[in-house]
C-alpha atoms as a PDB file:
ATOM      1  CA  MET A   1     -21.606  -1.105   5.683  1.00  0.00           C
ATOM      2  CA  GLU A   2     -20.892   0.898   2.540  1.00  0.00           C
ATOM      3  CA  MET A   3     -17.467   1.490   1.072  1.00  0.00           C
ATOM      4  CA  GLU A   4     -16.256   5.077   0.957  1.00  0.00           C
ATOM      5  CA  TYR A   5     -14.349   6.330  -2.091  1.00  0.00           C
ATOM      6  CA  ARG A   6     -11.757   9.078  -1.754  1.00  0.00           C
ATOM      7  CA  ARG A   7      -9.894  11.091  -4.326  1.00  0.00           C
ATOM      8  CA  LEU A   8      -6.207  10.342  -4.625  1.00  0.00           C
ATOM      9  CA  GLY A   9      -5.139  13.678  -3.208  1.00  0.00           C
ATOM     10  CA  ASP A  10      -5.937  16.391  -5.757  1.00  0.00           C
ATOM     11  CA  ALA A  11      -6.175  13.870  -8.603  1.00  0.00           C
ATOM     12  CA  GLY A  12      -9.601  12.996  -9.925  1.00  0.00           C
ATOM     13  CA  LEU A  13      -9.035   9.239  -9.483  1.00  0.00           C
ATOM     14  CA  LYS A  14     -11.171   7.753  -6.721  1.00  0.00           C
ATOM     15  CA  VAL A  15     -10.053   4.738  -4.706  1.00  0.00           C
ATOM     16  CA  SER A  16     -11.869   2.722  -2.075  1.00  0.00           C
ATOM     17  CA  VAL A  17     -10.837   3.753   1.435  1.00  0.00           C
ATOM     18  CA  LEU A  18      -9.911   0.107   2.046  1.00  0.00           C
ATOM     19  CA  SER A  19      -7.936  -1.606  -0.700  1.00  0.00           C
ATOM     20  CA  PHE A  20      -6.273  -4.981  -1.268  1.00  0.00           C
ATOM     21  CA  GLY A  21      -2.550  -5.616  -1.699  1.00  0.00           C
ATOM     22  CA  SER A  22      -0.451  -8.631  -2.634  1.00  0.00           C
ATOM     23  CA  TRP A  23       2.761  -8.097  -0.628  1.00  0.00           C
ATOM     24  CA  VAL A  24       3.977 -11.299   1.094  1.00  0.00           C
ATOM     25  CA  THR A  25       0.765 -13.256   0.456  1.00  0.00           C
ATOM     26  CA  PHE A  26       0.733 -13.810  -3.316  1.00  0.00           C
ATOM     27  CA  LYS A  27       2.662 -16.969  -4.251  1.00  0.00           C
ATOM     28  CA  SER A  28       3.978 -17.615  -0.724  1.00  0.00           C
ATOM     29  CA  GLN A  29       0.461 -18.045   0.699  1.00  0.00           C
ATOM     30  CA  LEU A  30      -1.930 -17.584  -2.220  1.00  0.00           C
ATOM     31  CA  ASP A  31      -2.042 -19.395  -5.531  1.00  0.00           C
ATOM     32  CA  VAL A  32      -4.235 -18.140  -8.373  1.00  0.00           C
ATOM     33  CA  ASP A  33      -7.437 -19.795  -7.153  1.00  0.00           C
ATOM     34  CA  ARG A  34      -7.079 -18.485  -3.609  1.00  0.00           C
ATOM     35  CA  ALA A  35      -6.137 -15.060  -4.960  1.00  0.00           C
ATOM     36  CA  VAL A  36      -9.336 -15.097  -7.007  1.00  0.00           C
ATOM     37  CA  ASP A  37     -11.377 -15.908  -3.906  1.00  0.00           C
ATOM     38  CA  CYS A  38      -9.770 -13.163  -1.799  1.00  0.00           C
ATOM     39  CA  MET A  39      -9.944 -10.530  -4.539  1.00  0.00           C
ATOM     40  CA  ALA A  40     -13.582 -11.397  -5.210  1.00  0.00           C
ATOM     41  CA  ALA A  41     -14.416 -11.009  -1.520  1.00  0.00           C
ATOM     42  CA  ALA A  42     -12.702  -7.617  -1.449  1.00  0.00           C
ATOM     43  CA  PHE A  43     -14.435  -6.502  -4.653  1.00  0.00           C
ATOM     44  CA  ASP A  44     -17.825  -7.599  -3.323  1.00  0.00           C
ATOM     45  CA  ALA A  45     -17.190  -5.377  -0.283  1.00  0.00           C
ATOM     46  CA  GLY A  46     -16.593  -2.389  -2.567  1.00  0.00           C
ATOM     47  CA  VAL A  47     -12.802  -2.496  -2.982  1.00  0.00           C
ATOM     48  CA  ASN A  48     -11.729  -1.071  -6.339  1.00  0.00           C
ATOM     49  CA  PHE A  49      -7.951  -0.647  -5.786  1.00  0.00           C
ATOM     50  CA  PHE A  50      -5.528  -3.586  -6.014  1.00  0.00           C
ATOM     51  CA  ASP A  51      -1.879  -2.913  -5.183  1.00  0.00           C
ATOM     52  CA  ASN A  52       1.126  -4.825  -6.479  1.00  0.00           C
ATOM     53  CA  ALA A  53       4.848  -4.395  -7.199  1.00  0.00           C
ATOM     54  CA  GLU A  54       7.361  -5.812  -9.641  1.00  0.00           C
ATOM     55  CA  ALA A  55       9.538  -7.117  -6.807  1.00  0.00           C
ATOM     56  CA  TYR A  56       6.787  -9.004  -4.972  1.00  0.00           C
ATOM     57  CA  ALA A  57       7.612 -12.715  -5.314  1.00  0.00           C
ATOM     58  CA  GLY A  58      10.039 -11.865  -8.117  1.00  0.00           C
ATOM     59  CA  GLY A  59       7.301 -10.885 -10.555  1.00  0.00           C
ATOM     60  CA  GLU A  60       5.041 -13.826  -9.730  1.00  0.00           C
ATOM     61  CA  SER A  61       2.700 -11.653  -7.675  1.00  0.00           C
ATOM     62  CA  GLU A  62       1.928  -9.595 -10.775  1.00  0.00           C
ATOM     63  CA  ARG A  63       1.430 -12.738 -12.846  1.00  0.00           C
ATOM     64  CA  ILE A  64      -0.970 -14.237 -10.285  1.00  0.00           C
ATOM     65  CA  MET A  65      -2.976 -11.033  -9.976  1.00  0.00           C
ATOM     66  CA  GLY A  66      -3.196 -10.678 -13.746  1.00  0.00           C
ATOM     67  CA  GLU A  67      -4.503 -14.222 -14.099  1.00  0.00           C
ATOM     68  CA  ALA A  68      -6.963 -13.561 -11.283  1.00  0.00           C
ATOM     69  CA  PHE A  69      -8.301 -10.498 -13.119  1.00  0.00           C
ATOM     70  CA  ARG A  70      -8.884 -12.625 -16.197  1.00  0.00           C
ATOM     71  CA  LYS A  71     -10.641 -15.375 -14.248  1.00  0.00           C
ATOM     72  CA  LEU A  72     -12.820 -12.873 -12.432  1.00  0.00           C
ATOM     73  CA  GLY A  73     -13.830 -11.269 -15.718  1.00  0.00           C
ATOM     74  CA  TRP A  74     -14.171  -7.746 -14.367  1.00  0.00           C
ATOM     75  CA  ALA A  75     -14.487  -4.910 -16.856  1.00  0.00           C
ATOM     76  CA  ARG A  76     -11.324  -2.774 -16.926  1.00  0.00           C
ATOM     77  CA  HIS A  77     -13.192   0.322 -15.753  1.00  0.00           C
ATOM     78  CA  GLU A  78     -14.257  -1.464 -12.561  1.00  0.00           C
ATOM     79  CA  TYR A  79     -10.858  -1.658 -10.884  1.00  0.00           C
ATOM     80  CA  VAL A  80      -7.688   0.336 -10.275  1.00  0.00           C
ATOM     81  CA  VAL A  81      -4.384  -1.553 -10.305  1.00  0.00           C
ATOM     82  CA  SER A  82      -0.856  -0.421  -9.489  1.00  0.00           C
ATOM     83  CA  SER A  83       2.716  -1.615  -9.529  1.00  0.00           C
ATOM     84  CA  LYS A  84       6.016  -0.292  -8.182  1.00  0.00           C
ATOM     85  CA  TYR A  85       9.599  -0.172  -9.462  1.00  0.00           C
ATOM     86  CA  PHE A  86      13.114   0.058  -8.063  1.00  0.00           C
ATOM     87  CA  TRP A  87      14.392  -3.285  -6.788  1.00  0.00           C
ATOM     88  CA  GLY A  88      14.450  -4.994 -10.197  1.00  0.00           C
ATOM     89  CA  LEU A  89      14.206  -8.619 -11.286  1.00  0.00           C
ATOM     90  CA  HIS A  90      17.513  -9.099 -13.099  1.00  0.00           C
ATOM     91  CA  ASP A  91      21.164  -8.692 -12.203  1.00  0.00           C
ATOM     92  CA  GLY A  92      23.154  -5.856 -13.709  1.00  0.00           C
ATOM     93  CA  PRO A  93      23.906  -2.179 -13.114  1.00  0.00           C
ATOM     94  CA  ASN A  94      20.819  -1.055 -15.021  1.00  0.00           C
ATOM     95  CA  SER A  95      18.458  -3.681 -13.660  1.00  0.00           C
ATOM     96  CA  ARG A  96      18.554  -3.448  -9.866  1.00  0.00           C
ATOM     97  CA  HIS A  97      18.176  -0.676  -7.302  1.00  0.00           C
ATOM     98  CA  THR A  98      17.738   2.022  -9.904  1.00  0.00           C
ATOM     99  CA  LEU A  99      15.222   4.484 -11.277  1.00  0.00           C
ATOM    100  CA  ASN A 100      17.049   5.263 -14.481  1.00  0.00           C
ATOM    101  CA  ARG A 101      15.097   5.683 -17.700  1.00  0.00           C
ATOM    102  CA  LYS A 102      16.205   2.393 -19.254  1.00  0.00           C
ATOM    103  CA  TYR A 103      15.139   0.329 -16.272  1.00  0.00           C
ATOM    104  CA  LEU A 104      11.835   2.077 -15.643  1.00  0.00           C
ATOM    105  CA  LEU A 105      10.446   1.879 -19.167  1.00  0.00           C
ATOM    106  CA  GLU A 106      11.538  -1.739 -19.570  1.00  0.00           C
ATOM    107  CA  ALA A 107      10.188  -2.701 -16.135  1.00  0.00           C
ATOM    108  CA  ILE A 108       6.774  -1.180 -16.801  1.00  0.00           C
ATOM    109  CA  ASP A 109       6.567  -3.136 -20.056  1.00  0.00           C
ATOM    110  CA  GLY A 110       7.437  -6.286 -18.078  1.00  0.00           C
ATOM    111  CA  THR A 111       4.544  -5.703 -15.689  1.00  0.00           C
ATOM    112  CA  LEU A 112       2.082  -5.191 -18.532  1.00  0.00           C
ATOM    113  CA  GLU A 113       3.248  -8.427 -20.111  1.00  0.00           C
ATOM    114  CA  ARG A 114       2.979 -10.427 -16.873  1.00  0.00           C
ATOM    115  CA  MET A 115      -0.423  -9.010 -15.981  1.00  0.00           C
ATOM    116  CA  GLU A 116      -1.634  -9.049 -19.614  1.00  0.00           C
ATOM    117  CA  LEU A 117      -2.968  -5.521 -19.304  1.00  0.00           C
ATOM    118  CA  ASP A 118      -2.913  -2.637 -21.775  1.00  0.00           C
ATOM    119  CA  TYR A 119      -2.100  -0.098 -19.067  1.00  0.00           C
ATOM    120  CA  LEU A 120      -1.715   0.377 -15.325  1.00  0.00           C
ATOM    121  CA  ASP A 121      -3.745   2.954 -13.449  1.00  0.00           C
ATOM    122  CA  LEU A 122      -0.936   3.846 -11.097  1.00  0.00           C
ATOM    123  CA  ILE A 123       2.852   3.333 -11.116  1.00  0.00           C
ATOM    124  CA  TYR A 124       5.231   4.095  -8.269  1.00  0.00           C
ATOM    125  CA  CYS A 125       8.938   4.604  -7.745  1.00  0.00           C
ATOM    126  CA  HIS A 126       9.277   2.009  -4.987  1.00  0.00           C
ATOM    127  CA  ARG A 127      12.211   3.773  -3.321  1.00  0.00           C
ATOM    128  CA  ALA A 128      14.305   6.839  -4.091  1.00  0.00           C
ATOM    129  CA  ASP A 129      17.482   6.405  -6.146  1.00  0.00           C
ATOM    130  CA  PRO A 130      20.357   8.684  -5.139  1.00  0.00           C
ATOM    131  CA  ASP A 131      22.399   7.597  -8.188  1.00  0.00           C
ATOM    132  CA  THR A 132      19.913   8.781 -10.811  1.00  0.00           C
ATOM    133  CA  PRO A 133      19.039  12.464 -11.262  1.00  0.00           C
ATOM    134  CA  ILE A 134      15.483  13.039 -10.097  1.00  0.00           C
ATOM    135  CA  GLU A 135      14.813  14.893 -13.370  1.00  0.00           C
ATOM    136  CA  GLU A 136      15.593  11.731 -15.365  1.00  0.00           C
ATOM    137  CA  THR A 137      13.240   9.672 -13.206  1.00  0.00           C
ATOM    138  CA  VAL A 138      10.436  12.237 -13.371  1.00  0.00           C
ATOM    139  CA  ARG A 139      10.761  12.469 -17.164  1.00  0.00           C
ATOM    140  CA  ALA A 140      10.644   8.681 -17.541  1.00  0.00           C
ATOM    141  CA  MET A 141       7.540   8.341 -15.352  1.00  0.00           C
ATOM    142  CA  SER A 142       5.845  11.187 -17.202  1.00  0.00           C
ATOM    143  CA  ASP A 143       6.763   9.626 -20.548  1.00  0.00           C
ATOM    144  CA  ALA A 144       5.254   6.307 -19.447  1.00  0.00           C
ATOM    145  CA  ILE A 145       1.974   8.155 -18.977  1.00  0.00           C
ATOM    146  CA  GLU A 146       2.317   9.975 -22.306  1.00  0.00           C
ATOM    147  CA  ARG A 147       2.838   6.621 -24.021  1.00  0.00           C
ATOM    148  CA  GLY A 148      -0.335   5.200 -22.496  1.00  0.00           C
ATOM    149  CA  LYS A 149       1.389   2.688 -20.240  1.00  0.00           C
ATOM    150  CA  ALA A 150      -0.028   4.273 -17.062  1.00  0.00           C
ATOM    151  CA  LEU A 151      -2.482   6.978 -16.009  1.00  0.00           C
ATOM    152  CA  TYR A 152      -0.915   8.377 -12.813  1.00  0.00           C
ATOM    153  CA  TRP A 153       2.388   8.052 -11.008  1.00  0.00           C
ATOM    154  CA  GLY A 154       3.731   8.444  -7.519  1.00  0.00           C
ATOM    155  CA  THR A 155       6.400   7.423  -5.030  1.00  0.00           C
ATOM    156  CA  SER A 156       6.822   5.010  -2.147  1.00  0.00           C
ATOM    157  CA  GLU A 157       8.918   5.651   0.951  1.00  0.00           C
ATOM    158  CA  TRP A 158      10.391   8.872  -0.425  1.00  0.00           C
ATOM    159  CA  SER A 159      11.182  11.801   1.822  1.00  0.00           C
ATOM    160  CA  ALA A 160       9.100  14.978   1.734  1.00  0.00           C
ATOM    161  CA  ASP A 161      12.030  16.850   0.179  1.00  0.00           C
ATOM    162  CA  GLU A 162      12.398  14.250  -2.594  1.00  0.00           C
ATOM    163  CA  ILE A 163       8.678  14.311  -3.362  1.00  0.00           C
ATOM    164  CA  ARG A 164       8.603  18.101  -3.484  1.00  0.00           C
ATOM    165  CA  ALA A 165      11.669  18.171  -5.749  1.00  0.00           C
ATOM    166  CA  ALA A 166      10.050  15.712  -8.160  1.00  0.00           C
ATOM    167  CA  TRP A 167       6.800  17.684  -8.185  1.00  0.00           C
ATOM    168  CA  GLU A 168       8.564  20.997  -8.830  1.00  0.00           C
ATOM    169  CA  ILE A 169      10.647  19.531 -11.682  1.00  0.00           C
ATOM    170  CA  ALA A 170       7.496  18.171 -13.314  1.00  0.00           C
ATOM    171  CA  ASP A 171       5.675  21.458 -12.791  1.00  0.00           C
ATOM    172  CA  ARG A 172       8.538  23.449 -14.306  1.00  0.00           C
ATOM    173  CA  HIS A 173       8.704  21.297 -17.439  1.00  0.00           C
ATOM    174  CA  GLY A 174       4.969  20.718 -17.860  1.00  0.00           C
ATOM    175  CA  TRP A 175       5.365  16.980 -17.227  1.00  0.00           C
ATOM    176  CA  HIS A 176       2.956  14.721 -15.368  1.00  0.00           C
ATOM    177  CA  LYS A 177       3.396  15.348 -11.650  1.00  0.00           C
ATOM    178  CA  PRO A 178       3.545  12.710  -8.900  1.00  0.00           C
ATOM    179  CA  VAL A 179       0.123  12.564  -7.238  1.00  0.00           C
ATOM    180  CA  VAL A 180       0.589  10.001  -4.479  1.00  0.00           C
ATOM    181  CA  GLU A 181       3.029   8.594  -1.933  1.00  0.00           C
ATOM    182  CA  GLN A 182       2.842   5.088  -0.455  1.00  0.00           C
ATOM    183  CA  PRO A 183       4.316   5.206   3.058  1.00  0.00           C
ATOM    184  CA  GLN A 184       4.053   2.835   5.985  1.00  0.00           C
ATOM    185  CA  TYR A 185       1.454   4.149   8.425  1.00  0.00           C
ATOM    186  CA  ASN A 186      -0.011   2.657  11.559  1.00  0.00           C
ATOM    187  CA  LEU A 187      -0.309   3.395  15.262  1.00  0.00           C
ATOM    188  CA  ILE A 188       3.382   2.672  15.740  1.00  0.00           C
ATOM    189  CA  HIS A 189       4.791   4.351  12.606  1.00  0.00           C
ATOM    190  CA  ARG A 190       3.202   7.792  12.304  1.00  0.00           C
ATOM    191  CA  ARG A 191       5.890  10.433  11.830  1.00  0.00           C
ATOM    192  CA  LYS A 192       6.063  10.543   8.033  1.00  0.00           C
ATOM    193  CA  VAL A 193       2.345  10.739   7.349  1.00  0.00           C
ATOM    194  CA  GLU A 194       1.436  13.028  10.218  1.00  0.00           C
ATOM    195  CA  ARG A 195       4.488  15.294  10.415  1.00  0.00           C
ATOM    196  CA  GLU A 196       6.961  15.052   7.555  1.00  0.00           C
ATOM    197  CA  PHE A 197       4.313  15.161   4.812  1.00  0.00           C
ATOM    198  CA  ALA A 198       2.009  17.621   6.608  1.00  0.00           C
ATOM    199  CA  ARG A 199       2.615  20.558   4.255  1.00  0.00           C
ATOM    200  CA  LEU A 200       2.521  18.445   1.089  1.00  0.00           C
ATOM    201  CA  TYR A 201      -1.182  17.663   1.382  1.00  0.00           C
ATOM    202  CA  GLU A 202      -2.132  21.301   0.905  1.00  0.00           C
ATOM    203  CA  ASP A 203       0.897  22.552  -1.050  1.00  0.00           C
ATOM    204  CA  ILE A 204       0.872  19.934  -3.836  1.00  0.00           C
ATOM    205  CA  GLY A 205      -2.317  17.952  -3.160  1.00  0.00           C
ATOM    206  CA  LEU A 206      -0.505  14.750  -2.220  1.00  0.00           C
ATOM    207  CA  GLY A 207      -2.548  11.568  -1.839  1.00  0.00           C
ATOM    208  CA  THR A 208      -1.435   8.577   0.245  1.00  0.00           C
ATOM    209  CA  THR A 209      -1.987   4.854  -0.208  1.00  0.00           C
ATOM    210  CA  ILE A 210      -0.691   3.599   3.116  1.00  0.00           C
ATOM    211  CA  TRP A 211       0.677   0.125   3.804  1.00  0.00           C
ATOM    212  CA  SER A 212       1.050  -2.051   6.913  1.00  0.00           C
ATOM    213  CA  PRO A 213      -1.900  -0.701   8.928  1.00  0.00           C
ATOM    214  CA  LEU A 214      -1.468  -3.657  11.294  1.00  0.00           C
ATOM    215  CA  ALA A 215       2.304  -3.113  11.666  1.00  0.00           C
ATOM    216  CA  SER A 216       2.890  -6.520  10.023  1.00  0.00           C
ATOM    217  CA  GLY A 217       0.434  -8.132  12.435  1.00  0.00           C
ATOM    218  CA  LEU A 218       1.826  -6.645  15.630  1.00  0.00           C
ATOM    219  CA  LEU A 219      -1.399  -4.694  16.227  1.00  0.00           C
ATOM    220  CA  THR A 220      -3.497  -7.863  16.079  1.00  0.00           C
ATOM    221  CA  GLY A 221      -1.916  -9.116  19.298  1.00  0.00           C
ATOM    222  CA  LYS A 222      -0.848 -12.417  17.780  1.00  0.00           C
ATOM    223  CA  TYR A 223       2.825 -11.858  18.611  1.00  0.00           C
ATOM    224  CA  LEU A 224       2.327 -11.287  22.349  1.00  0.00           C
ATOM    225  CA  ASP A 225       3.333 -14.888  23.050  1.00  0.00           C
ATOM    226  CA  GLY A 226       6.037 -15.282  20.411  1.00  0.00           C
ATOM    227  CA  ILE A 227       5.930 -15.982  16.668  1.00  0.00           C
ATOM    228  CA  PRO A 228       3.029 -18.316  15.829  1.00  0.00           C
ATOM    229  CA  GLU A 229       3.488 -20.960  13.161  1.00  0.00           C
ATOM    230  CA  GLY A 230       2.111 -19.927   9.783  1.00  0.00           C
ATOM    231  CA  SER A 231       2.270 -16.216  10.526  1.00  0.00           C
ATOM    232  CA  ARG A 232       3.928 -13.703   8.192  1.00  0.00           C
ATOM    233  CA  ALA A 233       6.918 -13.361  10.529  1.00  0.00           C
ATOM    234  CA  GLY A 234       7.350 -17.120  10.434  1.00  0.00           C
ATOM    235  CA  LEU A 235       7.830 -17.262   6.665  1.00  0.00           C
ATOM    236  CA  GLU A 236      11.224 -18.074   5.211  1.00  0.00           C
ATOM    237  CA  GLY A 237      13.047 -14.880   4.302  1.00  0.00           C
ATOM    238  CA  TYR A 238      11.201 -12.772   6.880  1.00  0.00           C
ATOM    239  CA  GLU A 239      13.467 -13.469   9.835  1.00  0.00           C
ATOM    240  CA  TRP A 240      14.133  -9.736  10.094  1.00  0.00           C
ATOM    241  CA  LEU A 241      10.433  -9.239  10.713  1.00  0.00           C
ATOM    242  CA  ALA A 242      10.345 -11.866  13.441  1.00  0.00           C
ATOM    243  CA  GLU A 243      13.146 -10.093  15.296  1.00  0.00           C
ATOM    244  CA  SER A 244      11.332  -6.749  15.328  1.00  0.00           C
ATOM    245  CA  LEU A 245       7.931  -8.217  16.190  1.00  0.00           C
ATOM    246  CA  GLY A 246       9.044 -10.482  18.992  1.00  0.00           C
ATOM    247  CA  ASP A 247      11.025  -8.049  21.146  1.00  0.00           C
ATOM    248  CA  GLY A 248       8.118  -7.250  23.486  1.00  0.00           C
ATOM    249  CA  ARG A 249       8.609  -3.496  23.277  1.00  0.00           C
ATOM    250  CA  TYR A 250       4.938  -2.743  22.646  1.00  0.00           C
ATOM    251  CA  ASP A 251       3.342  -5.551  24.656  1.00  0.00           C
ATOM    252  CA  GLN A 252       1.787  -3.310  27.299  1.00  0.00           C
ATOM    253  CA  ALA A 253       0.423  -0.843  24.752  1.00  0.00           C
ATOM    254  CA  ILE A 254      -1.023  -3.688  22.692  1.00  0.00           C
ATOM    255  CA  ARG A 255      -2.804  -5.100  25.736  1.00  0.00           C
ATOM    256  CA  GLU A 256      -4.357  -1.675  26.361  1.00  0.00           C
ATOM    257  CA  PHE A 257      -5.285  -1.462  22.696  1.00  0.00           C
ATOM    258  CA  ALA A 258      -6.994  -4.863  22.972  1.00  0.00           C
ATOM    259  CA  GLU A 259      -9.190  -3.509  25.776  1.00  0.00           C
ATOM    260  CA  VAL A 260     -10.218  -0.535  23.632  1.00  0.00           C
ATOM    261  CA  ALA A 261     -11.117  -2.872  20.758  1.00  0.00           C
ATOM    262  CA  ASP A 262     -13.234  -4.937  23.155  1.00  0.00           C
ATOM    263  CA  GLY A 263     -15.045  -1.732  24.114  1.00  0.00           C
ATOM    264  CA  TYR A 264     -15.945  -1.157  20.468  1.00  0.00           C
ATOM    265  CA  GLY A 265     -16.982  -4.779  20.058  1.00  0.00           C
ATOM    266  CA  CYS A 266     -14.468  -5.305  17.253  1.00  0.00           C
ATOM    267  CA  THR A 267     -11.166  -7.049  16.653  1.00  0.00           C
ATOM    268  CA  MET A 268      -7.845  -5.319  17.131  1.00  0.00           C
ATOM    269  CA  ALA A 269      -7.231  -5.582  13.379  1.00  0.00           C
ATOM    270  CA  GLN A 270     -10.497  -3.828  12.584  1.00  0.00           C
ATOM    271  CA  LEU A 271      -9.768  -1.014  15.031  1.00  0.00           C
ATOM    272  CA  ALA A 272      -6.186  -0.566  13.727  1.00  0.00           C
ATOM    273  CA  ILE A 273      -7.397  -0.340  10.116  1.00  0.00           C
ATOM    274  CA  ALA A 274     -10.246   2.000  11.019  1.00  0.00           C
ATOM    275  CA  TRP A 275      -7.861   4.249  12.966  1.00  0.00           C
ATOM    276  CA  CYS A 276      -5.675   4.664   9.859  1.00  0.00           C
ATOM    277  CA  ALA A 277      -8.682   5.338   7.635  1.00  0.00           C
ATOM    278  CA  ALA A 278      -9.913   8.006  10.055  1.00  0.00           C
ATOM    279  CA  ASN A 279      -7.013  10.224   8.971  1.00  0.00           C
ATOM    280  CA  PRO A 280      -8.398  12.484   6.208  1.00  0.00           C
ATOM    281  CA  ASP A 281      -4.942  12.644   4.597  1.00  0.00           C
ATOM    282  CA  VAL A 282      -5.087   8.892   3.944  1.00  0.00           C
ATOM    283  CA  SER A 283      -6.595   8.147   0.536  1.00  0.00           C
ATOM    284  CA  THR A 284      -6.736   4.382   1.071  1.00  0.00           C
ATOM    285  CA  VAL A 285      -5.561   1.775   3.554  1.00  0.00           C
ATOM    286  CA  ILE A 286      -3.977  -1.219   1.815  1.00  0.00           C
ATOM    287  CA  THR A 287      -5.035  -4.434   3.514  1.00  0.00           C
ATOM    288  CA  GLY A 288      -3.664  -7.913   2.945  1.00  0.00           C
ATOM    289  CA  ALA A 289      -5.067 -11.372   3.571  1.00  0.00           C
ATOM    290  CA  SER A 290      -4.308 -15.022   2.913  1.00  0.00           C
ATOM    291  CA  ARG A 291      -7.892 -16.220   3.474  1.00  0.00           C
ATOM    292  CA  VAL A 292     -11.342 -15.009   2.494  1.00  0.00           C
ATOM    293  CA  GLU A 293     -12.255 -14.863   6.181  1.00  0.00           C
ATOM    294  CA  GLN A 294      -9.459 -12.345   6.755  1.00  0.00           C
ATOM    295  CA  VAL A 295     -10.709 -10.186   3.896  1.00  0.00           C
ATOM    296  CA  GLU A 296     -14.206 -10.184   5.357  1.00  0.00           C
ATOM    297  CA  GLU A 297     -12.884  -9.367   8.826  1.00  0.00           C
ATOM    298  CA  ASN A 298     -10.791  -6.471   7.487  1.00  0.00           C
ATOM    299  CA  MET A 299     -13.729  -5.011   5.590  1.00  0.00           C
ATOM    300  CA  LYS A 300     -15.754  -4.781   8.813  1.00  0.00           C
ATOM    301  CA  ALA A 301     -13.354  -2.001   9.822  1.00  0.00           C
ATOM    302  CA  LEU A 302     -15.757   0.235   7.885  1.00  0.00           C
ATOM    303  CA  GLU A 303     -18.304  -0.212  10.667  1.00  0.00           C
ATOM    304  CA  VAL A 304     -15.734   0.811  13.278  1.00  0.00           C
ATOM    305  CA  LEU A 305     -14.671   3.818  11.193  1.00  0.00           C
ATOM    306  CA  ASP A 306     -18.186   5.228  11.493  1.00  0.00           C
ATOM    307  CA  GLU A 307     -17.799   5.227  15.294  1.00  0.00           C
ATOM    308  CA  LEU A 308     -14.423   6.987  15.516  1.00  0.00           C
ATOM    309  CA  ASP A 309     -14.531  10.720  16.202  1.00  0.00           C
ATOM    310  CA  ASP A 310     -11.470  12.955  16.585  1.00  0.00           C
ATOM    311  CA  ASP A 311     -11.303  12.441  20.351  1.00  0.00           C
ATOM    312  CA  ALA A 312     -11.344   8.667  19.979  1.00  0.00           C
ATOM    313  CA  VAL A 313      -8.597   8.807  17.342  1.00  0.00           C
ATOM    314  CA  ASP A 314      -6.407  10.876  19.660  1.00  0.00           C
ATOM    315  CA  ARG A 315      -7.058   8.651  22.674  1.00  0.00           C
ATOM    316  CA  ILE A 316      -6.129   5.528  20.737  1.00  0.00           C
ATOM    317  CA  ALA A 317      -2.955   7.172  19.397  1.00  0.00           C
ATOM    318  CA  GLY A 318      -2.025   8.128  22.950  1.00  0.00           C
ATOM    319  CA  ILE A 319      -1.740   4.481  23.935  1.00  0.00           C
ATOM    320  CA  PHE A 320       1.356   4.134  21.740  1.00  0.00           C
ATOM    321  CA  GLU A 321       3.039   7.437  22.514  1.00  0.00           C
ATOM    322  CA  ASP A 322       6.275   7.231  24.477  1.00  0.00           C
END
């Protein structure tokens, strides 16, 4: 079971096809020591990309990951690390829900301080900001790269039109262009990656670092009988997630999906992750875990990926089509 490394779209940066992210788990489920254990397990499996965001756990996720890097003692060239900006950590018109120049450059400095790093490999605009001119945002992200604070930049949950506009502004001015988008992608949420962004892969060489391959756990089957204690949807502050996961809308499809996974001799989680990775327009699938055992289980999706041909990918997708 060898890790595959894919270029981030047309960029030269290579990321492991399975990566490790900190959303929800860091601080709420993982302290530094447990983060070290999970990150080490991922790294040992070949993972080189670790995803984070300023807003995760109010900055604590970045702090925990930074301390984990130091405890693990990896050389800086051995891993790729990212963070994302938009939501903000402080109150005020220039501190929350913005992508203006003041916020972005200050926020990136904040991440570097919390993680105790000299630079980030990848920075994202975590959402689009209709109140800030895209040109101002593009210039600020490009300047962050020029100043050595980051190496590449991209977007998360932007529309195709917004991404293209940002790319064309950067191209026109000779600034650093966005190279990657981080959208949700899984068997249930497919439209953006497969349809809306379809032309961007060839036109501008867009890479994708997709999140929620398990649809927040829905595709593992654990919500078929309600919200289990200790699950992500059972955490305080994630009541909105519990409502969407417990409505039973996909129960029949998930039961069919479970039968397919049994046929492959794998777990539903492994098949769901492998299905996402089978898309050649996906640069990496961001996985999450609160235990080492989960990391190891997720990494076995590489074995399933080797067995998925185009026909199998289409058949599995058909289970969830209306």
